[in-house]
Structures are given as structure tokens and as C-alpha cells.
PDB file of N, CA and C in Angstrom:
ATOM      1  N   MET A   1     -40.435 -46.969 -63.402  1.00  0.00           N
ATOM      2  CA  MET A   1     -41.775 -47.775 -63.016  1.00  0.00           C
ATOM      3  C   MET A   1     -42.996 -46.913 -62.482  1.00  0.00           C
ATOM      4  N   ASN A   2     -43.881 -46.693 -62.943  1.00  0.00           N
ATOM      5  CA  ASN A   2     -45.018 -46.447 -62.117  1.00  0.00           C
ATOM      6  C   ASN A   2     -45.821 -47.069 -61.599  1.00  0.00           C
ATOM      7  N   ASN A   3     -46.353 -46.753 -60.123  1.00  0.00           N
ATOM      8  CA  ASN A   3     -47.113 -47.769 -59.405  1.00  0.00           C
ATOM      9  C   ASN A   3     -48.165 -47.078 -58.488  1.00  0.00           C
ATOM     10  N   ARG A   4     -48.978 -47.641 -58.156  1.00  0.00           N
ATOM     11  CA  ARG A   4     -50.172 -47.544 -57.212  1.00  0.00           C
ATOM     12  C   ARG A   4     -49.968 -47.607 -55.681  1.00  0.00           C
ATOM     13  N   VAL A   5     -48.544 -47.912 -55.297  1.00  0.00           N
ATOM     14  CA  VAL A   5     -48.683 -48.145 -53.684  1.00  0.00           C
ATOM     15  C   VAL A   5     -48.999 -46.966 -53.151  1.00  0.00           C
ATOM     16  N   ARG A   6     -48.606 -45.961 -53.155  1.00  0.00           N
ATOM     17  CA  ARG A   6     -49.300 -44.646 -52.378  1.00  0.00           C
ATOM     18  C   ARG A   6     -50.681 -44.757 -52.433  1.00  0.00           C
ATOM     19  N   GLU A   7     -51.302 -44.751 -53.665  1.00  0.00           N
ATOM     20  CA  GLU A   7     -52.714 -44.982 -53.413  1.00  0.00           C
ATOM     21  C   GLU A   7     -53.335 -46.220 -52.757  1.00  0.00           C
ATOM     22  N   LEU A   8     -53.091 -47.124 -52.784  1.00  0.00           N
ATOM     23  CA  LEU A   8     -53.471 -48.395 -52.218  1.00  0.00           C
ATOM     24  C   LEU A   8     -53.171 -48.199 -50.731  1.00  0.00           C
ATOM     25  N   ARG A   9     -52.144 -47.685 -50.433  1.00  0.00           N
ATOM     26  CA  ARG A   9     -51.825 -47.636 -48.934  1.00  0.00           C
ATOM     27  C   ARG A   9     -52.745 -46.522 -48.314  1.00  0.00           C
ATOM     28  N   ARG A  10     -53.016 -45.500 -49.124  1.00  0.00           N
ATOM     29  CA  ARG A  10     -53.613 -44.258 -48.214  1.00  0.00           C
ATOM     30  C   ARG A  10     -55.104 -44.745 -48.330  1.00  0.00           C
ATOM     31  N   GLU A  11     -55.500 -45.613 -49.172  1.00  0.00           N
ATOM     32  CA  GLU A  11     -57.127 -46.400 -49.246  1.00  0.00           C
ATOM     33  C   GLU A  11     -57.264 -47.177 -47.724  1.00  0.00           C
ATOM     34  N   GLN A  12     -56.031 -47.808 -47.688  1.00  0.00           N
ATOM     35  CA  GLN A  12     -56.212 -48.633 -46.249  1.00  0.00           C
ATOM     36  C   GLN A  12     -55.981 -47.889 -45.116  1.00  0.00           C
ATOM     37  N   GLY A  13     -56.031 -46.239 -44.916  1.00  0.00           N
ATOM     38  CA  GLY A  13     -55.514 -45.523 -44.076  1.00  0.00           C
ATOM     39  C   GLY A  13     -54.175 -45.876 -43.257  1.00  0.00           C
ATOM     40  N   TRP A  14     -53.615 -46.247 -43.947  1.00  0.00           N
ATOM     41  CA  TRP A  14     -51.947 -46.880 -43.430  1.00  0.00           C
ATOM     42  C   TRP A  14     -50.858 -45.602 -43.531  1.00  0.00           C
ATOM     43  N   SER A  15     -50.054 -45.394 -42.790  1.00  0.00           N
ATOM     44  CA  SER A  15     -48.929 -44.543 -42.953  1.00  0.00           C
ATOM     45  C   SER A  15     -47.917 -45.353 -43.734  1.00  0.00           C
ATOM     46  N   GLN A  16     -46.670 -44.728 -44.317  1.00  0.00           N
ATOM     47  CA  GLN A  16     -45.762 -45.273 -44.761  1.00  0.00           C
ATOM     48  C   GLN A  16     -45.023 -46.501 -43.727  1.00  0.00           C
ATOM     49  N   ALA A  17     -45.017 -45.686 -42.697  1.00  0.00           N
ATOM     50  CA  ALA A  17     -44.388 -46.972 -41.375  1.00  0.00           C
ATOM     51  C   ALA A  17     -45.796 -47.908 -41.416  1.00  0.00           C
ATOM     52  N   ASP A  18     -46.392 -47.967 -41.448  1.00  0.00           N
ATOM     53  CA  ASP A  18     -47.564 -48.961 -41.139  1.00  0.00           C
ATOM     54  C   ASP A  18     -47.487 -50.109 -42.232  1.00  0.00           C
ATOM     55  N   LEU A  19     -47.462 -49.544 -43.837  1.00  0.00           N
ATOM     56  CA  LEU A  19     -47.362 -50.210 -44.607  1.00  0.00           C
ATOM     57  C   LEU A  19     -45.781 -50.969 -44.416  1.00  0.00           C
ATOM     58  N   ALA A  20     -44.888 -50.358 -44.272  1.00  0.00           N
ATOM     59  CA  ALA A  20     -43.198 -51.038 -44.062  1.00  0.00           C
ATOM     60  C   ALA A  20     -43.496 -52.213 -42.994  1.00  0.00           C
ATOM     61  N   GLU A  21     -43.869 -52.019 -41.990  1.00  0.00           N
ATOM     62  CA  GLU A  21     -44.102 -52.821 -40.847  1.00  0.00           C
ATOM     63  C   GLU A  21     -44.733 -54.191 -41.483  1.00  0.00           C
ATOM     64  N   ARG A  22     -45.786 -53.966 -42.324  1.00  0.00           N
ATOM     65  CA  ARG A  22     -46.625 -55.215 -42.801  1.00  0.00           C
ATOM     66  C   ARG A  22     -45.541 -56.014 -43.650  1.00  0.00           C
ATOM     67  N   LEU A  23     -44.955 -55.216 -44.540  1.00  0.00           N
ATOM     68  CA  LEU A  23     -44.053 -55.676 -45.635  1.00  0.00           C
ATOM     69  C   LEU A  23     -42.659 -56.122 -45.140  1.00  0.00           C
ATOM     70  N   LYS A  24     -42.423 -55.881 -43.642  1.00  0.00           N
ATOM     71  CA  LYS A  24     -40.952 -56.111 -43.063  1.00  0.00           C
ATOM     72  C   LYS A  24     -39.962 -55.486 -44.337  1.00  0.00           C
ATOM     73  N   VAL A  25     -40.152 -54.433 -44.269  1.00  0.00           N
ATOM     74  CA  VAL A  25     -39.264 -53.746 -44.808  1.00  0.00           C
ATOM     75  C   VAL A  25     -38.811 -51.952 -44.317  1.00  0.00           C
ATOM     76  N   SER A  26     -38.116 -51.004 -44.360  1.00  0.00           N
ATOM     77  CA  SER A  26     -38.056 -49.888 -43.806  1.00  0.00           C
ATOM     78  C   SER A  26     -38.840 -48.859 -44.398  1.00  0.00           C
ATOM     79  N   ARG A  27     -39.529 -47.723 -43.580  1.00  0.00           N
ATOM     80  CA  ARG A  27     -40.044 -46.896 -44.038  1.00  0.00           C
ATOM     81  C   ARG A  27     -39.593 -45.943 -45.245  1.00  0.00           C
ATOM     82  N   GLN A  28     -38.016 -46.091 -45.164  1.00  0.00           N
ATOM     83  CA  GLN A  28     -37.254 -45.417 -46.364  1.00  0.00           C
ATOM     84  C   GLN A  28     -37.713 -45.991 -47.667  1.00  0.00           C
ATOM     85  N   THR A  29     -37.754 -47.611 -47.456  1.00  0.00           N
ATOM     86  CA  THR A  29     -37.937 -48.609 -48.683  1.00  0.00           C
ATOM     87  C   THR A  29     -39.439 -47.891 -49.383  1.00  0.00           C
ATOM     88  N   VAL A  30     -40.126 -48.034 -48.394  1.00  0.00           N
ATOM     89  CA  VAL A  30     -41.553 -47.867 -49.107  1.00  0.00           C
ATOM     90  C   VAL A  30     -41.789 -46.523 -49.676  1.00  0.00           C
ATOM     91  N   ASN A  31     -40.962 -45.200 -49.307  1.00  0.00           N
ATOM     92  CA  ASN A  31     -41.149 -44.038 -49.602  1.00  0.00           C
ATOM     93  C   ASN A  31     -40.450 -44.039 -51.173  1.00  0.00           C
ATOM     94  N   ALA A  32     -39.203 -44.678 -50.888  1.00  0.00           N
ATOM     95  CA  ALA A  32     -38.574 -44.816 -52.574  1.00  0.00           C
ATOM     96  C   ALA A  32     -39.670 -45.470 -53.550  1.00  0.00           C
ATOM     97  N   ILE A  33     -40.099 -46.556 -53.049  1.00  0.00           N
ATOM     98  CA  ILE A  33     -40.998 -47.234 -53.918  1.00  0.00           C
ATOM     99  C   ILE A  33     -42.191 -46.265 -54.634  1.00  0.00           C
ATOM    100  N   GLU A  34     -42.702 -45.811 -53.762  1.00  0.00           N
ATOM    101  CA  GLU A  34     -43.627 -44.714 -54.129  1.00  0.00           C
ATOM    102  C   GLU A  34     -43.549 -43.540 -55.090  1.00  0.00           C
ATOM    103  N   THR A  35     -42.182 -43.062 -54.696  1.00  0.00           N
ATOM    104  CA  THR A  35     -41.776 -42.011 -55.296  1.00  0.00           C
ATOM    105  C   THR A  35     -41.252 -42.387 -56.795  1.00  0.00           C
ATOM    106  N   GLY A  36     -40.970 -43.521 -56.967  1.00  0.00           N
ATOM    107  CA  GLY A  36     -40.225 -43.936 -57.862  1.00  0.00           C
ATOM    108  C   GLY A  36     -38.834 -44.313 -58.300  1.00  0.00           C
ATOM    109  N   ARG A  37     -37.982 -43.989 -56.897  1.00  0.00           N
ATOM    110  CA  ARG A  37     -36.694 -43.798 -57.012  1.00  0.00           C
ATOM    111  C   ARG A  37     -36.279 -45.567 -56.793  1.00  0.00           C
ATOM    112  N   CYS A  38     -36.789 -46.342 -56.806  1.00  0.00           N
ATOM    113  CA  CYS A  38     -36.707 -47.365 -56.314  1.00  0.00           C
ATOM    114  C   CYS A  38     -37.408 -48.597 -56.817  1.00  0.00           C
ATOM    115  N   ASP A  39     -37.343 -49.502 -57.785  1.00  0.00           N
ATOM    116  CA  ASP A  39     -38.331 -50.777 -57.855  1.00  0.00           C
ATOM    117  C   ASP A  39     -37.989 -52.024 -57.304  1.00  0.00           C
ATOM    118  N   PRO A  40     -39.469 -52.251 -56.422  1.00  0.00           N
ATOM    119  CA  PRO A  40     -38.813 -53.483 -55.558  1.00  0.00           C
ATOM    120  C   PRO A  40     -38.757 -54.742 -56.620  1.00  0.00           C
ATOM    121  N   GLY A  41     -38.028 -55.521 -55.993  1.00  0.00           N
ATOM    122  CA  GLY A  41     -37.718 -56.608 -56.476  1.00  0.00           C
ATOM    123  C   GLY A  41     -38.727 -57.688 -56.563  1.00  0.00           C
ATOM    124  N   LEU A  42     -38.752 -58.823 -57.206  1.00  0.00           N
ATOM    125  CA  LEU A  42     -40.062 -59.724 -57.475  1.00  0.00           C
ATOM    126  C   LEU A  42     -40.539 -60.162 -56.230  1.00  0.00           C
ATOM    127  N   PRO A  43     -39.869 -60.790 -55.054  1.00  0.00           N
ATOM    128  CA  PRO A  43     -40.560 -61.297 -53.894  1.00  0.00           C
ATOM    129  C   PRO A  43     -41.060 -60.166 -53.316  1.00  0.00           C
ATOM    130  N   LEU A  44     -40.427 -59.082 -53.203  1.00  0.00           N
ATOM    131  CA  LEU A  44     -41.036 -57.847 -52.586  1.00  0.00           C
ATOM    132  C   LEU A  44     -42.333 -57.353 -53.104  1.00  0.00           C
ATOM    133  N   ALA A  45     -42.488 -57.284 -54.456  1.00  0.00           N
ATOM    134  CA  ALA A  45     -43.598 -56.913 -55.275  1.00  0.00           C
ATOM    135  C   ALA A  45     -44.500 -58.074 -54.981  1.00  0.00           C
ATOM    136  N   PHE A  46     -44.350 -59.067 -55.256  1.00  0.00           N
ATOM    137  CA  PHE A  46     -45.442 -60.514 -54.433  1.00  0.00           C
ATOM    138  C   PHE A  46     -46.019 -59.900 -53.467  1.00  0.00           C
ATOM    139  N   ARG A  47     -45.214 -59.865 -52.385  1.00  0.00           N
ATOM    140  CA  ARG A  47     -45.654 -59.122 -51.222  1.00  0.00           C
ATOM    141  C   ARG A  47     -46.542 -58.116 -50.937  1.00  0.00           C
ATOM    142  N   ILE A  48     -46.099 -57.280 -51.630  1.00  0.00           N
ATOM    143  CA  ILE A  48     -47.142 -55.976 -51.831  1.00  0.00           C
ATOM    144  C   ILE A  48     -48.673 -56.425 -52.520  1.00  0.00           C
ATOM    145  N   ALA A  49     -48.477 -56.720 -53.627  1.00  0.00           N
ATOM    146  CA  ALA A  49     -49.513 -57.727 -54.288  1.00  0.00           C
ATOM    147  C   ALA A  49     -50.461 -58.448 -53.496  1.00  0.00           C
ATOM    148  N   ARG A  50     -49.894 -59.060 -52.537  1.00  0.00           N
ATOM    149  CA  ARG A  50     -50.834 -60.238 -51.845  1.00  0.00           C
ATOM    150  C   ARG A  50     -51.177 -59.327 -50.714  1.00  0.00           C
ATOM    151  N   LEU A  51     -50.617 -58.384 -50.330  1.00  0.00           N
ATOM    152  CA  LEU A  51     -51.118 -57.533 -48.932  1.00  0.00           C
ATOM    153  C   LEU A  51     -52.407 -56.616 -49.590  1.00  0.00           C
ATOM    154  N   PHE A  52     -52.228 -56.186 -50.713  1.00  0.00           N
ATOM    155  CA  PHE A  52     -53.664 -55.412 -51.248  1.00  0.00           C
ATOM    156  C   PHE A  52     -54.193 -56.326 -51.771  1.00  0.00           C
ATOM    157  N   GLY A  53     -54.426 -57.469 -51.935  1.00  0.00           N
ATOM    158  CA  GLY A  53     -55.096 -58.625 -52.879  1.00  0.00           C
ATOM    159  C   GLY A  53     -55.421 -57.759 -54.530  1.00  0.00           C
ATOM    160  N   CYS A  54     -53.994 -57.490 -55.086  1.00  0.00           N
ATOM    161  CA  CYS A  54     -54.274 -57.304 -56.319  1.00  0.00           C
ATOM    162  C   CYS A  54     -53.280 -57.924 -57.210  1.00  0.00           C
ATOM    163  N   SER A  55     -53.106 -57.782 -58.430  1.00  0.00           N
ATOM    164  CA  SER A  55     -52.062 -58.563 -58.996  1.00  0.00           C
ATOM    165  C   SER A  55     -50.819 -57.195 -59.403  1.00  0.00           C
ATOM    166  N   ILE A  56     -49.812 -57.854 -59.434  1.00  0.00           N
ATOM    167  CA  ILE A  56     -48.631 -57.141 -59.584  1.00  0.00           C
ATOM    168  C   ILE A  56     -48.549 -56.226 -60.954  1.00  0.00           C
ATOM    169  N   GLU A  57     -49.659 -56.972 -61.949  1.00  0.00           N
ATOM    170  CA  GLU A  57     -49.585 -55.731 -63.099  1.00  0.00           C
ATOM    171  C   GLU A  57     -50.446 -54.724 -62.658  1.00  0.00           C
ATOM    172  N   SER A  58     -51.384 -54.854 -61.699  1.00  0.00           N
ATOM    173  CA  SER A  58     -52.309 -53.663 -61.253  1.00  0.00           C
ATOM    174  C   SER A  58     -51.751 -52.868 -60.130  1.00  0.00           C
ATOM    175  N   ILE A  59     -50.648 -53.395 -60.036  1.00  0.00           N
ATOM    176  CA  ILE A  59     -49.934 -52.288 -58.937  1.00  0.00           C
ATOM    177  C   ILE A  59     -48.803 -51.279 -59.661  1.00  0.00           C
ATOM    178  N   PHE A  60     -48.124 -52.238 -60.648  1.00  0.00           N
ATOM    179  CA  PHE A  60     -46.766 -51.916 -60.966  1.00  0.00           C
ATOM    180  C   PHE A  60     -46.976 -51.616 -62.687  1.00  0.00           C
ATOM    181  N   VAL A  61     -46.496 -50.651 -63.540  1.00  0.00           N
ATOM    182  CA  VAL A  61     -46.909 -50.176 -64.481  1.00  0.00           C
ATOM    183  C   VAL A  61     -45.603 -49.750 -65.217  1.00  0.00           C
ATOM    184  N   PRO A  62     -45.063 -50.261 -66.132  1.00  0.00           N
ATOM    185  CA  PRO A  62     -43.849 -49.799 -66.880  1.00  0.00           C
ATOM    186  C   PRO A  62     -43.964 -48.696 -67.136  1.00  0.00           C
ATOM    187  N   GLY A  63     -43.043 -47.291 -67.070  1.00  0.00           N
ATOM    188  CA  GLY A  63     -43.255 -46.314 -67.542  1.00  0.00           C
ATOM    189  C   GLY A  63     -42.650 -46.005 -68.775  1.00  0.00           C
ATOM    190  N   GLN A  64     -42.816 -44.891 -69.381  1.00  0.00           N
ATOM    191  CA  GLN A  64     -42.144 -44.494 -70.550  1.00  0.00           C
ATOM    192  C   GLN A  64     -40.760 -44.318 -70.472  1.00  0.00           C
ATOM    193  N   GLU A  65     -39.740 -44.247 -71.173  1.00  0.00           N
ATOM    194  CA  GLU A  65     -38.384 -44.527 -70.832  1.00  0.00           C
ATOM    195  C   GLU A  65     -38.033 -43.600 -71.717  1.00  0.00           C
TER     196      GLU A  65
END
């Protein structure tokens, strides 16, 4: 799944550690989401969307399989 998490995080001027703290996850989890190695579950996806004030659909876009 493609996502805009890195782009949105950088727009806020946050490090991966800053975002991880706000989401209550590890920095490694943020890195894995940003690089597409893992997709967040729905509860985390909702927290990410709420934090950035965006819809889930505007952040996470299904990639081509």
C-alpha cells in the first residue's frame, strides 16, 4: 500500500521519533509504514489520519499488485 505518511510528517517538521511519540508506537513502526514494509491496522490508520487532519483514503492508497 502506498502512503503519504513521510510527506505529511515532513510538512509538520517532525522526525520519525516525534511522530512515533505522538502515535504511541516505536520509531521502527513509523519507518516500516513510511517505507511500505508494513501497513498499519485500522486503529493506527485512524490515529494517523486524525493526527494529520486528513481522511484515511487521502493518506493510504492501495498499490498495484
